[in-house]
């Protein structure tokens, strides 16, 4: 069987993040992953701690304007000063 290679290397996760969590935080993370897995069940995608954390990073980056919104996402509301 031939090993598949990624054409676009930017989409390949190549950095490792190590977190020290309390038992309570680890349990909360596991619950959040389980909830996400239920939401994603129809897609057939597996939700892991790594994919969940990557999703949090990308979500926050979009909110902060560091990434373009994903297709189908609502645009970030722009604050307009109240002129009186």
PDB file of N, CA and C in Angstrom:
ATOM      1  N   UNK A   1       0.837  -1.177   0.000  1.00  0.00           N
ATOM      2  CA  UNK A   1       0.000   0.000   0.000  1.00  0.00           C
ATOM      3  C   UNK A   1       0.884   1.244   0.000  1.00  0.00           C
ATOM      4  N   UNK A   2       0.547   2.218  -0.813  1.00  0.00           N
ATOM      5  CA  UNK A   2       1.327   3.433  -0.938  1.00  0.00           C
ATOM      6  C   UNK A   2       0.927   4.431   0.138  1.00  0.00           C
ATOM      7  N   UNK A   3       1.928   5.049   0.748  1.00  0.00           N
ATOM      8  CA  UNK A   3       1.672   6.070   1.757  1.00  0.00           C
ATOM      9  C   UNK A   3       1.229   7.353   1.065  1.00  0.00           C
ATOM     10  N   UNK A   4       0.138   7.940   1.542  1.00  0.00           N
ATOM     11  CA  UNK A   4      -0.350   9.183   0.971  1.00  0.00           C
ATOM     12  C   UNK A   4       0.471  10.342   1.510  1.00  0.00           C
ATOM     13  N   UNK A   5       0.787  11.289   0.657  1.00  0.00           N
ATOM     14  CA  UNK A   5       1.510  12.484   1.087  1.00  0.00           C
ATOM     15  C   UNK A   5       0.624  13.693   0.869  1.00  0.00           C
ATOM     16  N   UNK A   6       0.798  14.678   1.718  1.00  0.00           N
ATOM     17  CA  UNK A   6       0.034  15.918   1.605  1.00  0.00           C
ATOM     18  C   UNK A   6       0.703  16.826   0.593  1.00  0.00           C
ATOM     19  N   UNK A   7      -0.080  17.346  -0.315  1.00  0.00           N
ATOM     20  CA  UNK A   7       0.449  18.285  -1.296  1.00  0.00           C
ATOM     21  C   UNK A   7       0.687  19.624  -0.623  1.00  0.00           C
ATOM     22  N   UNK A   8      -0.250  20.043   0.227  1.00  0.00           N
ATOM     23  CA  UNK A   8      -0.149  21.324   0.926  1.00  0.00           C
ATOM     24  C   UNK A   8       0.351  21.054   2.346  1.00  0.00           C
ATOM     25  N   UNK A   9       1.622  21.248   2.596  1.00  0.00           N
ATOM     26  CA  UNK A   9       2.230  20.944   3.889  1.00  0.00           C
ATOM     27  C   UNK A   9       1.749  21.885   4.990  1.00  0.00           C
ATOM     28  N   UNK A  10       1.114  23.016   4.642  1.00  0.00           N
ATOM     29  CA  UNK A  10       0.624  23.947   5.670  1.00  0.00           C
ATOM     30  C   UNK A  10      -0.491  23.334   6.496  1.00  0.00           C
ATOM     31  N   UNK A  11      -1.171  22.320   5.960  1.00  0.00           N
ATOM     32  CA  UNK A  11      -2.284  21.714   6.685  1.00  0.00           C
ATOM     33  C   UNK A  11      -1.852  20.533   7.543  1.00  0.00           C
ATOM     34  N   UNK A  12      -0.564  20.250   7.588  1.00  0.00           N
ATOM     35  CA  UNK A  12      -0.055  19.124   8.355  1.00  0.00           C
ATOM     36  C   UNK A  12       0.364  19.612   9.738  1.00  0.00           C
ATOM     37  N   UNK A  13      -0.190  18.983  10.770  1.00  0.00           N
ATOM     38  CA  UNK A  13       0.188  19.334  12.143  1.00  0.00           C
ATOM     39  C   UNK A  13       1.566  18.761  12.429  1.00  0.00           C
ATOM     40  N   UNK A  14       2.520  19.647  12.689  1.00  0.00           N
ATOM     41  CA  UNK A  14       3.883  19.173  12.926  1.00  0.00           C
ATOM     42  C   UNK A  14       4.477  19.691  14.236  1.00  0.00           C
ATOM     43  N   UNK A  15       3.690  20.376  15.041  1.00  0.00           N
ATOM     44  CA  UNK A  15       4.156  20.884  16.326  1.00  0.00           C
ATOM     45  C   UNK A  15       3.407  20.170  17.444  1.00  0.00           C
ATOM     46  N   UNK A  16       4.086  19.992  18.555  1.00  0.00           N
ATOM     47  CA  UNK A  16       3.489  19.313  19.699  1.00  0.00           C
ATOM     48  C   UNK A  16       3.247  20.316  20.814  1.00  0.00           C
ATOM     49  N   UNK A  17       2.080  20.249  21.415  1.00  0.00           N
ATOM     50  CA  UNK A  17       1.727  21.094  22.553  1.00  0.00           C
ATOM     51  C   UNK A  17       1.496  20.186  23.749  1.00  0.00           C
ATOM     52  N   UNK A  18       2.204  20.439  24.826  1.00  0.00           N
ATOM     53  CA  UNK A  18       2.028  19.654  26.032  1.00  0.00           C
ATOM     54  C   UNK A  18       1.325  20.521  27.068  1.00  0.00           C
ATOM     55  N   UNK A  19       0.261  19.999  27.634  1.00  0.00           N
ATOM     56  CA  UNK A  19      -0.500  20.724  28.654  1.00  0.00           C
ATOM     57  C   UNK A  19      -0.458  19.969  29.972  1.00  0.00           C
ATOM     58  N   UNK A  20      -0.330  20.708  31.044  1.00  0.00           N
ATOM     59  CA  UNK A  20      -0.465  20.114  32.365  1.00  0.00           C
ATOM     60  C   UNK A  20      -1.845  20.525  32.862  1.00  0.00           C
ATOM     61  N   UNK A  21      -2.699  19.561  33.096  1.00  0.00           N
ATOM     62  CA  UNK A  21      -4.073  19.811  33.520  1.00  0.00           C
ATOM     63  C   UNK A  21      -4.321  19.187  34.880  1.00  0.00           C
ATOM     64  N   UNK A  22      -5.179  19.843  35.647  1.00  0.00           N
ATOM     65  CA  UNK A  22      -5.644  19.214  36.873  1.00  0.00           C
ATOM     66  C   UNK A  22      -6.573  18.076  36.485  1.00  0.00           C
ATOM     67  N   UNK A  23      -6.853  17.198  37.408  1.00  0.00           N
ATOM     68  CA  UNK A  23      -7.783  16.109  37.116  1.00  0.00           C
ATOM     69  C   UNK A  23      -9.148  16.665  36.732  1.00  0.00           C
ATOM     70  N   UNK A  24      -9.553  17.739  37.402  1.00  0.00           N
ATOM     71  CA  UNK A  24     -10.849  18.356  37.089  1.00  0.00           C
ATOM     72  C   UNK A  24     -10.853  18.930  35.673  1.00  0.00           C
ATOM     73  N   UNK A  25      -9.774  19.641  35.299  1.00  0.00           N
ATOM     74  CA  UNK A  25      -9.702  20.200  33.949  1.00  0.00           C
ATOM     75  C   UNK A  25      -9.659  19.101  32.894  1.00  0.00           C
ATOM     76  N   UNK A  26      -8.941  18.018  33.174  1.00  0.00           N
ATOM     77  CA  UNK A  26      -8.880  16.889  32.228  1.00  0.00           C
ATOM     78  C   UNK A  26     -10.270  16.276  32.053  1.00  0.00           C
ATOM     79  N   UNK A  27     -11.007  16.124  33.171  1.00  0.00           N
ATOM     80  CA  UNK A  27     -12.363  15.577  33.092  1.00  0.00           C
ATOM     81  C   UNK A  27     -13.272  16.505  32.290  1.00  0.00           C
ATOM     82  N   UNK A  28     -13.113  17.812  32.500  1.00  0.00           N
ATOM     83  CA  UNK A  28     -13.916  18.768  31.729  1.00  0.00           C
ATOM     84  C   UNK A  28     -13.578  18.694  30.245  1.00  0.00           C
ATOM     85  N   UNK A  29     -12.300  18.586  29.930  1.00  0.00           N
ATOM     86  CA  UNK A  29     -11.888  18.458  28.532  1.00  0.00           C
ATOM     87  C   UNK A  29     -12.491  17.201  27.911  1.00  0.00           C
ATOM     88  N   UNK A  30     -12.470  16.109  28.628  1.00  0.00           N
ATOM     89  CA  UNK A  30     -13.047  14.857  28.119  1.00  0.00           C
ATOM     90  C   UNK A  30     -14.544  15.019  27.868  1.00  0.00           C
ATOM     91  N   UNK A  31     -15.242  15.717  28.759  1.00  0.00           N
ATOM     92  CA  UNK A  31     -16.679  15.949  28.562  1.00  0.00           C
ATOM     93  C   UNK A  31     -16.924  16.823  27.338  1.00  0.00           C
ATOM     94  N   UNK A  32     -16.109  17.858  27.168  1.00  0.00           N
ATOM     95  CA  UNK A  32     -16.251  18.728  25.994  1.00  0.00           C
ATOM     96  C   UNK A  32     -15.996  17.964  24.702  1.00  0.00           C
ATOM     97  N   UNK A  33     -15.006  17.096  24.719  1.00  0.00           N
ATOM     98  CA  UNK A  33     -14.705  16.274  23.546  1.00  0.00           C
ATOM     99  C   UNK A  33     -15.879  15.351  23.240  1.00  0.00           C
ATOM    100  N   UNK A  34     -16.453  14.761  24.276  1.00  0.00           N
ATOM    101  CA  UNK A  34     -17.597  13.864  24.084  1.00  0.00           C
ATOM    102  C   UNK A  34     -18.786  14.623  23.495  1.00  0.00           C
ATOM    103  N   UNK A  35     -19.029  15.830  23.973  1.00  0.00           N
ATOM    104  CA  UNK A  35     -20.132  16.643  23.431  1.00  0.00           C
ATOM    105  C   UNK A  35     -19.879  16.984  21.965  1.00  0.00           C
ATOM    106  N   UNK A  36     -18.646  17.346  21.648  1.00  0.00           N
ATOM    107  CA  UNK A  36     -18.288  17.662  20.260  1.00  0.00           C
ATOM    108  C   UNK A  36     -18.446  16.431  19.380  1.00  0.00           C
ATOM    109  N   UNK A  37     -18.063  15.274  19.907  1.00  0.00           N
ATOM    110  CA  UNK A  37     -18.176  14.031  19.142  1.00  0.00           C
ATOM    111  C   UNK A  37     -19.631  13.737  18.799  1.00  0.00           C
ATOM    112  N   UNK A  38     -20.537  14.021  19.725  1.00  0.00           N
ATOM    113  CA  UNK A  38     -21.962  13.812  19.464  1.00  0.00           C
ATOM    114  C   UNK A  38     -22.416  14.736  18.337  1.00  0.00           C
ATOM    115  N   UNK A  39     -21.953  15.999  18.360  1.00  0.00           N
ATOM    116  CA  UNK A  39     -22.326  16.951  17.310  1.00  0.00           C
ATOM    117  C   UNK A  39     -21.772  16.542  15.948  1.00  0.00           C
ATOM    118  N   UNK A  40     -20.633  15.861  15.941  1.00  0.00           N
ATOM    119  CA  UNK A  40     -19.958  15.509  14.692  1.00  0.00           C
ATOM    120  C   UNK A  40     -20.272  14.091  14.219  1.00  0.00           C
ATOM    121  N   UNK A  41     -21.126  13.377  14.929  1.00  0.00           N
ATOM    122  CA  UNK A  41     -21.358  11.958  14.637  1.00  0.00           C
ATOM    123  C   UNK A  41     -21.801  11.724  13.193  1.00  0.00           C
ATOM    124  N   UNK A  42     -22.599  12.621  12.652  1.00  0.00           N
ATOM    125  CA  UNK A  42     -23.088  12.442  11.282  1.00  0.00           C
ATOM    126  C   UNK A  42     -21.998  12.629  10.228  1.00  0.00           C
ATOM    127  N   UNK A  43     -20.915  13.293  10.599  1.00  0.00           N
ATOM    128  CA  UNK A  43     -19.842  13.532   9.631  1.00  0.00           C
ATOM    129  C   UNK A  43     -18.876  12.359   9.544  1.00  0.00           C
ATOM    130  N   UNK A  44     -18.882  11.505  10.560  1.00  0.00           N
ATOM    131  CA  UNK A  44     -17.959  10.383  10.591  1.00  0.00           C
ATOM    132  C   UNK A  44     -16.562  10.767  11.041  1.00  0.00           C
ATOM    133  N   UNK A  45     -16.389  12.016  11.443  1.00  0.00           N
ATOM    134  CA  UNK A  45     -15.077  12.478  11.888  1.00  0.00           C
ATOM    135  C   UNK A  45     -14.871  12.142  13.360  1.00  0.00           C
ATOM    136  N   UNK A  46     -13.660  11.746  13.692  1.00  0.00           N
ATOM    137  CA  UNK A  46     -13.311  11.445  15.071  1.00  0.00           C
ATOM    138  C   UNK A  46     -12.857  12.726  15.763  1.00  0.00           C
ATOM    139  N   UNK A  47     -13.366  12.964  16.953  1.00  0.00           N
ATOM    140  CA  UNK A  47     -12.955  14.128  17.727  1.00  0.00           C
ATOM    141  C   UNK A  47     -11.949  13.665  18.770  1.00  0.00           C
ATOM    142  N   UNK A  48     -10.775  14.279  18.749  1.00  0.00           N
ATOM    143  CA  UNK A  48      -9.723  13.968  19.703  1.00  0.00           C
ATOM    144  C   UNK A  48      -9.405  15.222  20.512  1.00  0.00           C
ATOM    145  N   UNK A  49      -8.624  15.064  21.558  1.00  0.00           N
ATOM    146  CA  UNK A  49      -8.204  16.225  22.341  1.00  0.00           C
ATOM    147  C   UNK A  49      -7.454  17.211  21.442  1.00  0.00           C
ATOM    148  N   UNK A  50      -6.601  16.691  20.568  1.00  0.00           N
ATOM    149  CA  UNK A  50      -5.829  17.551  19.670  1.00  0.00           C
ATOM    150  C   UNK A  50      -6.737  18.308  18.700  1.00  0.00           C
ATOM    151  N   UNK A  51      -7.698  17.612  18.099  1.00  0.00           N
ATOM    152  CA  UNK A  51      -8.582  18.289  17.142  1.00  0.00           C
ATOM    153  C   UNK A  51      -9.458  19.316  17.861  1.00  0.00           C
ATOM    154  N   UNK A  52      -9.843  19.003  19.089  1.00  0.00           N
ATOM    155  CA  UNK A  52     -10.665  19.945  19.861  1.00  0.00           C
ATOM    156  C   UNK A  52      -9.869  21.216  20.166  1.00  0.00           C
ATOM    157  N   UNK A  53      -8.629  21.070  20.614  1.00  0.00           N
ATOM    158  CA  UNK A  53      -7.791  22.228  20.932  1.00  0.00           C
ATOM    159  C   UNK A  53      -7.485  23.030  19.667  1.00  0.00           C
ATOM    160  N   UNK A  54      -7.198  22.347  18.550  1.00  0.00           N
ATOM    161  CA  UNK A  54      -6.968  23.075  17.288  1.00  0.00           C
ATOM    162  C   UNK A  54      -8.210  23.876  16.906  1.00  0.00           C
ATOM    163  N   UNK A  55      -9.388  23.279  17.105  1.00  0.00           N
ATOM    164  CA  UNK A  55     -10.628  23.988  16.812  1.00  0.00           C
ATOM    165  C   UNK A  55     -10.797  25.225  17.676  1.00  0.00           C
ATOM    166  N   UNK A  56     -10.452  25.117  18.960  1.00  0.00           N
ATOM    167  CA  UNK A  56     -10.529  26.278  19.856  1.00  0.00           C
ATOM    168  C   UNK A  56      -9.585  27.391  19.392  1.00  0.00           C
ATOM    169  N   UNK A  57      -8.382  27.002  19.002  1.00  0.00           N
ATOM    170  CA  UNK A  57      -7.402  27.990  18.536  1.00  0.00           C
ATOM    171  C   UNK A  57      -7.921  28.704  17.297  1.00  0.00           C
ATOM    172  N   UNK A  58      -8.417  27.947  16.329  1.00  0.00           N
ATOM    173  CA  UNK A  58      -8.907  28.553  15.080  1.00  0.00           C
ATOM    174  C   UNK A  58     -10.156  29.399  15.313  1.00  0.00           C
ATOM    175  N   UNK A  59     -11.041  28.928  16.195  1.00  0.00           N
ATOM    176  CA  UNK A  59     -12.257  29.688  16.503  1.00  0.00           C
ATOM    177  C   UNK A  59     -11.890  31.047  17.102  1.00  0.00           C
ATOM    178  N   UNK A  60     -11.007  31.043  18.089  1.00  0.00           N
ATOM    179  CA  UNK A  60     -10.598  32.299  18.723  1.00  0.00           C
ATOM    180  C   UNK A  60      -9.847  33.190  17.742  1.00  0.00           C
ATOM    181  N   UNK A  61      -9.027  32.605  16.884  1.00  0.00           N
ATOM    182  CA  UNK A  61      -8.302  33.389  15.883  1.00  0.00           C
ATOM    183  C   UNK A  61      -9.272  34.079  14.925  1.00  0.00           C
ATOM    184  N   UNK A  62     -10.338  33.390  14.545  1.00  0.00           N
ATOM    185  CA  UNK A  62     -11.349  34.020  13.677  1.00  0.00           C
ATOM    186  C   UNK A  62     -12.047  35.163  14.402  1.00  0.00           C
ATOM    187  N   UNK A  63     -12.389  34.937  15.674  1.00  0.00           N
ATOM    188  CA  UNK A  63     -13.051  35.992  16.452  1.00  0.00           C
ATOM    189  C   UNK A  63     -12.173  37.234  16.580  1.00  0.00           C
ATOM    190  N   UNK A  64     -10.873  37.024  16.673  1.00  0.00           N
ATOM    191  CA  UNK A  64      -9.937  38.131  16.828  1.00  0.00           C
ATOM    192  C   UNK A  64      -9.501  38.726  15.486  1.00  0.00           C
ATOM    193  N   UNK A  65     -10.010  38.177  14.390  1.00  0.00           N
ATOM    194  CA  UNK A  65      -9.686  38.705  13.074  1.00  0.00           C
ATOM    195  C   UNK A  65      -8.344  38.238  12.533  1.00  0.00           C
ATOM    196  N   UNK A  66      -7.773  37.196  13.136  1.00  0.00           N
ATOM    197  CA  UNK A  66      -6.483  36.685  12.671  1.00  0.00           C
ATOM    198  C   UNK A  66      -6.633  35.703  11.518  1.00  0.00           C
ATOM    199  N   UNK A  67      -7.814  35.125  11.358  1.00  0.00           N
ATOM    200  CA  UNK A  67      -8.124  34.201  10.258  1.00  0.00           C
ATOM    201  C   UNK A  67      -9.392  34.670   9.584  1.00  0.00           C
ATOM    202  N   UNK A  68      -9.489  34.345   8.307  1.00  0.00           N
ATOM    203  CA  UNK A  68     -10.714  34.648   7.566  1.00  0.00           C
ATOM    204  C   UNK A  68     -11.834  33.747   8.067  1.00  0.00           C
ATOM    205  N   UNK A  69     -13.080  34.240   8.080  1.00  0.00           N
ATOM    206  CA  UNK A  69     -14.207  33.392   8.479  1.00  0.00           C
ATOM    207  C   UNK A  69     -14.328  32.187   7.554  1.00  0.00           C
ATOM    208  N   UNK A  70     -14.818  31.085   8.080  1.00  0.00           N
ATOM    209  CA  UNK A  70     -15.028  29.903   7.262  1.00  0.00           C
ATOM    210  C   UNK A  70     -16.246  30.109   6.383  1.00  0.00           C
ATOM    211  N   UNK A  71     -16.335  29.355   5.308  1.00  0.00           N
ATOM    212  CA  UNK A  71     -17.474  29.458   4.396  1.00  0.00           C
ATOM    213  C   UNK A  71     -18.761  29.147   5.151  1.00  0.00           C
ATOM    214  N   UNK A  72     -19.765  29.956   4.962  1.00  0.00           N
ATOM    215  CA  UNK A  72     -21.050  29.741   5.605  1.00  0.00           C
ATOM    216  C   UNK A  72     -21.134  30.331   6.999  1.00  0.00           C
ATOM    217  N   UNK A  73     -20.032  30.864   7.505  1.00  0.00           N
ATOM    218  CA  UNK A  73     -20.051  31.457   8.841  1.00  0.00           C
ATOM    219  C   UNK A  73     -20.582  32.876   8.757  1.00  0.00           C
ATOM    220  N   UNK A  74     -21.216  33.298   9.828  1.00  0.00           N
ATOM    221  CA  UNK A  74     -21.707  34.669   9.877  1.00  0.00           C
ATOM    222  C   UNK A  74     -20.529  35.618  10.020  1.00  0.00           C
ATOM    223  N   UNK A  75     -20.589  36.774   9.349  1.00  0.00           N
ATOM    224  CA  UNK A  75     -19.506  37.744   9.506  1.00  0.00           C
ATOM    225  C   UNK A  75     -19.508  38.314  10.921  1.00  0.00           C
ATOM    226  N   UNK A  76     -18.333  38.683  11.405  1.00  0.00           N
ATOM    227  CA  UNK A  76     -18.209  39.276  12.730  1.00  0.00           C
ATOM    228  C   UNK A  76     -18.897  40.631  12.726  1.00  0.00           C
ATOM    229  N   UNK A  77     -19.768  40.898  13.711  1.00  0.00           N
ATOM    230  CA  UNK A  77     -20.437  42.197  13.730  1.00  0.00           C
ATOM    231  C   UNK A  77     -19.427  43.318  13.946  1.00  0.00           C
ATOM    232  N   UNK A  78     -19.601  44.378  13.221  1.00  0.00           N
ATOM    233  CA  UNK A  78     -18.702  45.524  13.347  1.00  0.00           C
ATOM    234  C   UNK A  78     -19.354  46.535  14.247  1.00  0.00           C
ATOM    235  N   UNK A  79     -18.591  47.045  15.170  1.00  0.00           N
ATOM    236  CA  UNK A  79     -19.109  48.066  16.076  1.00  0.00           C
ATOM    237  C   UNK A  79     -19.020  49.420  15.386  1.00  0.00           C
ATOM    238  N   UNK A  80     -20.136  50.115  15.380  1.00  0.00           N
ATOM    239  CA  UNK A  80     -20.202  51.439  14.765  1.00  0.00           C
ATOM    240  C   UNK A  80     -20.491  52.437  15.864  1.00  0.00           C
ATOM    241  N   UNK A  81     -19.688  53.494  15.976  1.00  0.00           N
ATOM    242  CA  UNK A  81     -19.936  54.482  17.038  1.00  0.00           C
ATOM    243  C   UNK A  81     -21.305  55.122  16.879  1.00  0.00           C
ATOM    244  N   UNK A  82     -21.944  55.361  17.998  1.00  0.00           N
ATOM    245  CA  UNK A  82     -23.240  56.003  18.014  1.00  0.00           C
ATOM    246  C   UNK A  82     -23.039  57.502  17.842  1.00  0.00           C
ATOM    247  N   UNK A  83     -23.527  58.030  16.743  1.00  0.00           N
ATOM    248  CA  UNK A  83     -23.346  59.466  16.453  1.00  0.00           C
ATOM    249  C   UNK A  83     -24.595  60.213  16.859  1.00  0.00           C
ATOM    250  N   UNK A  84     -24.445  61.085  17.810  1.00  0.00           N
ATOM    251  CA  UNK A  84     -25.586  61.913  18.269  1.00  0.00           C
ATOM    252  C   UNK A  84     -25.213  63.346  18.278  1.00  0.00           C
TER     253      UNK A  84
END
